[in-house]
N, C-alpha and C. Protein backbone atom coordinates (compact mmCIF):
# COMPACT_ATOMS: atom_id res chain seq x y z
N MET A 1 47.69 111.24 65.66
CA MET A 1 48.25 110.74 66.02
C MET A 1 48.48 110.89 67.67
N THR A 2 48.26 109.80 68.60
CA THR A 2 48.57 110.34 69.85
C THR A 2 49.88 109.80 70.10
N SER A 3 50.56 110.42 71.25
CA SER A 3 52.40 110.35 71.56
C SER A 3 52.27 108.81 71.75
N ILE A 4 51.16 107.85 72.33
CA ILE A 4 51.14 106.41 72.42
C ILE A 4 51.40 105.47 70.88
N GLU A 5 50.61 106.32 70.33
CA GLU A 5 50.65 105.66 68.68
C GLU A 5 51.95 105.73 68.04
N TYR A 6 52.54 107.48 68.34
CA TYR A 6 53.89 107.31 67.66
C TYR A 6 54.93 106.61 68.27
N GLU A 7 54.98 106.73 69.57
CA GLU A 7 56.09 105.93 70.24
C GLU A 7 56.11 104.25 69.61
N LEU A 8 55.08 103.92 69.20
CA LEU A 8 54.98 102.55 68.96
C LEU A 8 55.41 102.15 67.46
N LEU A 9 55.07 103.59 66.86
CA LEU A 9 55.52 103.47 65.48
C LEU A 9 56.98 103.79 65.03
N ARG A 10 57.33 104.50 66.36
CA ARG A 10 59.12 104.87 66.11
C ARG A 10 59.57 103.69 66.22
N LYS A 11 59.39 102.73 67.32
CA LYS A 11 59.90 101.56 68.05
C LYS A 11 59.93 100.54 66.64
N TYR A 12 58.64 100.41 65.99
CA TYR A 12 58.31 99.52 65.00
C TYR A 12 59.19 100.08 64.27
N ALA A 13 59.74 100.92 63.55
CA ALA A 13 60.59 101.63 62.46
C ALA A 13 62.23 101.23 63.38
N GLU A 14 62.39 102.00 64.08
CA GLU A 14 63.81 101.67 64.61
C GLU A 14 64.14 100.17 64.84
N SER A 15 63.14 99.37 64.91
CA SER A 15 63.56 97.88 64.83
C SER A 15 63.79 97.43 63.79
N ARG A 16 63.36 97.85 62.62
CA ARG A 16 63.23 97.22 61.33
C ARG A 16 64.07 98.07 60.76
N GLY A 17 65.02 99.11 61.56
CA GLY A 17 65.93 100.05 60.43
C GLY A 17 65.16 100.99 59.47
N LEU A 18 64.27 101.10 59.88
CA LEU A 18 63.37 101.94 58.96
C LEU A 18 63.12 103.73 59.09
N THR A 19 62.85 104.29 58.49
CA THR A 19 62.47 105.94 58.76
C THR A 19 61.00 105.55 59.34
N ILE A 20 60.37 106.43 59.80
CA ILE A 20 58.59 106.67 59.90
C ILE A 20 57.75 106.31 58.82
N ALA A 21 58.48 107.32 57.86
CA ALA A 21 57.90 107.29 56.58
C ALA A 21 58.12 105.94 55.95
N GLU A 22 58.87 105.10 55.88
CA GLU A 22 58.98 103.86 54.99
C GLU A 22 58.52 102.69 56.04
N ALA A 23 58.25 102.90 57.57
CA ALA A 23 57.44 101.87 58.35
C ALA A 23 56.12 101.89 57.95
N LEU A 24 55.45 103.30 57.71
CA LEU A 24 54.08 103.54 57.35
C LEU A 24 53.74 102.85 56.25
N ARG A 25 54.72 103.14 55.37
CA ARG A 25 54.19 102.36 54.06
C ARG A 25 54.57 100.82 53.64
N GLU A 26 55.38 100.03 54.71
CA GLU A 26 55.47 99.05 54.99
C GLU A 26 53.83 98.31 55.36
N ILE A 27 53.82 99.17 56.44
CA ILE A 27 52.44 98.86 57.61
C ILE A 27 51.14 98.86 56.66
N ILE A 28 50.80 100.19 55.55
CA ILE A 28 49.76 100.26 54.94
C ILE A 28 49.89 99.08 53.76
N ARG A 29 51.18 99.00 53.06
CA ARG A 29 51.02 97.90 51.88
C ARG A 29 50.61 96.31 52.79
N ARG A 30 51.17 96.31 53.54
CA ARG A 30 50.97 94.78 54.26
C ARG A 30 49.41 94.77 54.76
N GLN A 31 48.66 95.82 55.02
CA GLN A 31 47.52 95.88 55.70
C GLN A 31 46.52 95.57 54.49
N VAL A 32 46.91 96.43 53.40
CA VAL A 32 46.00 96.69 52.20
C VAL A 32 46.03 95.35 51.33
N LEU A 33 47.28 94.92 51.07
CA LEU A 33 47.73 93.87 50.19
C LEU A 33 47.45 92.63 50.61
N GLU A 34 47.78 92.32 51.90
CA GLU A 34 47.50 90.76 52.54
C GLU A 34 46.24 90.01 52.11
N GLY A 35 47.05 89.10 51.69
CA GLY A 35 45.29 88.20 51.30
C GLY A 35 44.83 88.34 49.89
N GLU A 36 45.05 89.33 49.19
CA GLU A 36 44.62 89.55 48.11
C GLU A 36 44.86 88.72 46.76
N VAL A 37 44.08 88.18 46.32
CA VAL A 37 44.07 87.44 44.82
C VAL A 37 43.49 87.73 43.75
N ARG A 38 44.17 87.93 42.40
CA ARG A 38 43.75 88.60 41.44
C ARG A 38 42.87 87.13 41.04
N ALA A 39 41.76 87.78 40.84
CA ALA A 39 40.38 86.86 40.15
C ALA A 39 40.66 86.07 39.15
N ASP A 40 41.61 86.82 37.93
CA ASP A 40 41.47 86.12 36.81
C ASP A 40 43.27 85.66 36.86
N ASP A 41 43.70 85.58 37.54
CA ASP A 41 45.15 85.10 37.80
C ASP A 41 44.88 83.31 37.83
N PRO A 42 45.44 83.20 36.66
CA PRO A 42 45.16 81.39 36.43
C PRO A 42 45.71 80.27 37.34
N LEU A 43 46.74 80.90 38.04
CA LEU A 43 47.44 80.10 39.13
C LEU A 43 46.36 79.76 39.90
N PHE A 44 45.60 80.84 40.41
CA PHE A 44 44.23 80.18 41.35
C PHE A 44 43.30 80.37 40.64
N THR A 45 42.46 80.11 39.29
CA THR A 45 41.35 79.77 38.91
C THR A 45 41.51 78.33 37.70
N LYS A 46 42.96 78.10 37.82
CA LYS A 46 42.82 76.98 36.96
C LYS A 46 43.15 75.73 37.45
N GLY A 47 42.86 74.54 37.16
CA GLY A 47 43.13 73.31 37.75
C GLY A 47 44.66 72.79 37.39
N PRO A 48 44.60 71.46 37.98
CA PRO A 48 46.37 71.28 38.16
C PRO A 48 46.63 71.08 36.29
N VAL A 49 47.56 71.58 35.68
CA VAL A 49 48.26 71.44 34.90
C VAL A 49 49.17 70.28 34.96
N VAL A 50 50.15 69.63 36.03
CA VAL A 50 50.90 68.33 35.56
C VAL A 50 49.99 67.05 35.97
N ARG A 51 50.04 66.49 34.71
CA ARG A 51 49.39 65.07 34.53
C ARG A 51 50.36 64.03 34.34
N GLY A 52 51.13 64.00 33.60
CA GLY A 52 52.14 63.30 33.10
C GLY A 52 53.44 63.20 33.77
N LYS A 53 54.10 62.01 33.94
CA LYS A 53 55.37 62.47 34.41
C LYS A 53 56.29 62.79 33.65
N LYS A 54 56.44 63.01 32.59
CA LYS A 54 57.57 64.26 31.72
C LYS A 54 57.10 65.62 32.09
N ILE A 55 55.98 65.81 32.16
CA ILE A 55 55.71 67.25 32.40
C ILE A 55 56.10 67.60 34.19
N LYS A 56 55.86 66.46 35.03
CA LYS A 56 56.28 66.82 36.15
C LYS A 56 57.75 67.22 36.28
N GLU A 57 58.31 66.73 35.45
CA GLU A 57 59.67 66.89 35.45
C GLU A 57 60.19 68.48 34.97
N GLU A 58 59.26 68.66 34.27
CA GLU A 58 59.35 69.87 33.53
C GLU A 58 58.93 70.99 34.24
N VAL A 59 58.35 71.40 35.27
CA VAL A 59 57.13 72.30 35.78
C VAL A 59 58.31 73.10 36.52
N SER A 60 59.30 72.80 37.06
CA SER A 60 60.16 74.25 37.65
C SER A 60 60.96 74.56 36.49
N GLU A 61 61.09 74.35 35.26
CA GLU A 61 61.82 74.85 34.43
C GLU A 61 60.99 75.75 33.66
N ARG A 62 59.61 75.47 33.65
CA ARG A 62 58.64 75.59 32.33
C ARG A 62 57.35 76.01 32.81
N HIS A 63 57.72 76.57 34.38
CA HIS A 63 56.34 76.97 35.06
C HIS A 63 55.34 78.00 34.45
N ASP A 64 56.11 79.34 34.14
CA ASP A 64 55.48 80.40 33.47
C ASP A 64 54.87 79.51 31.97
N GLU A 65 55.43 78.82 31.27
CA GLU A 65 54.55 78.62 30.35
C GLU A 65 53.52 77.55 30.19
N PHE A 66 53.71 76.65 31.21
CA PHE A 66 52.54 75.74 31.62
C PHE A 66 51.42 76.69 32.28
N LEU A 67 51.86 77.84 32.94
CA LEU A 67 50.58 78.54 33.81
C LEU A 67 50.03 79.88 32.94
N TYR A 68 50.83 80.51 31.98
CA TYR A 68 50.54 81.25 31.27
C TYR A 68 50.52 81.35 29.82
N GLY A 69 50.98 80.22 29.70
CA GLY A 69 51.09 79.77 28.20
C GLY A 69 52.67 81.13 27.62
N ALA A 70 53.42 81.25 28.29
CA ALA A 70 54.15 82.26 28.02
C ALA A 70 55.74 81.40 27.57
N ARG A 71 56.74 82.07 27.25
CA ARG A 71 57.86 81.30 26.61
C ARG A 71 58.87 82.17 27.01
N ALA A 72 59.83 81.67 27.85
CA ALA A 72 60.95 82.34 28.62
C ALA A 72 61.90 82.62 27.41
């Protein structure tokens, strides 16, 4: 790491109240995970589950059941 890169990293961490290690972990997570979608996630693979008015009213309360078949 060059001194310029270190200084950029130090300023980034300081501006967010993080240690350099925490800042590096945050940057790595963001870079690696950003935009990833699990191919088997029903949220992204299934069509709309809301068809009738009654169901629309319940979606905010029972979304896991509608999406994954799970009961809370």
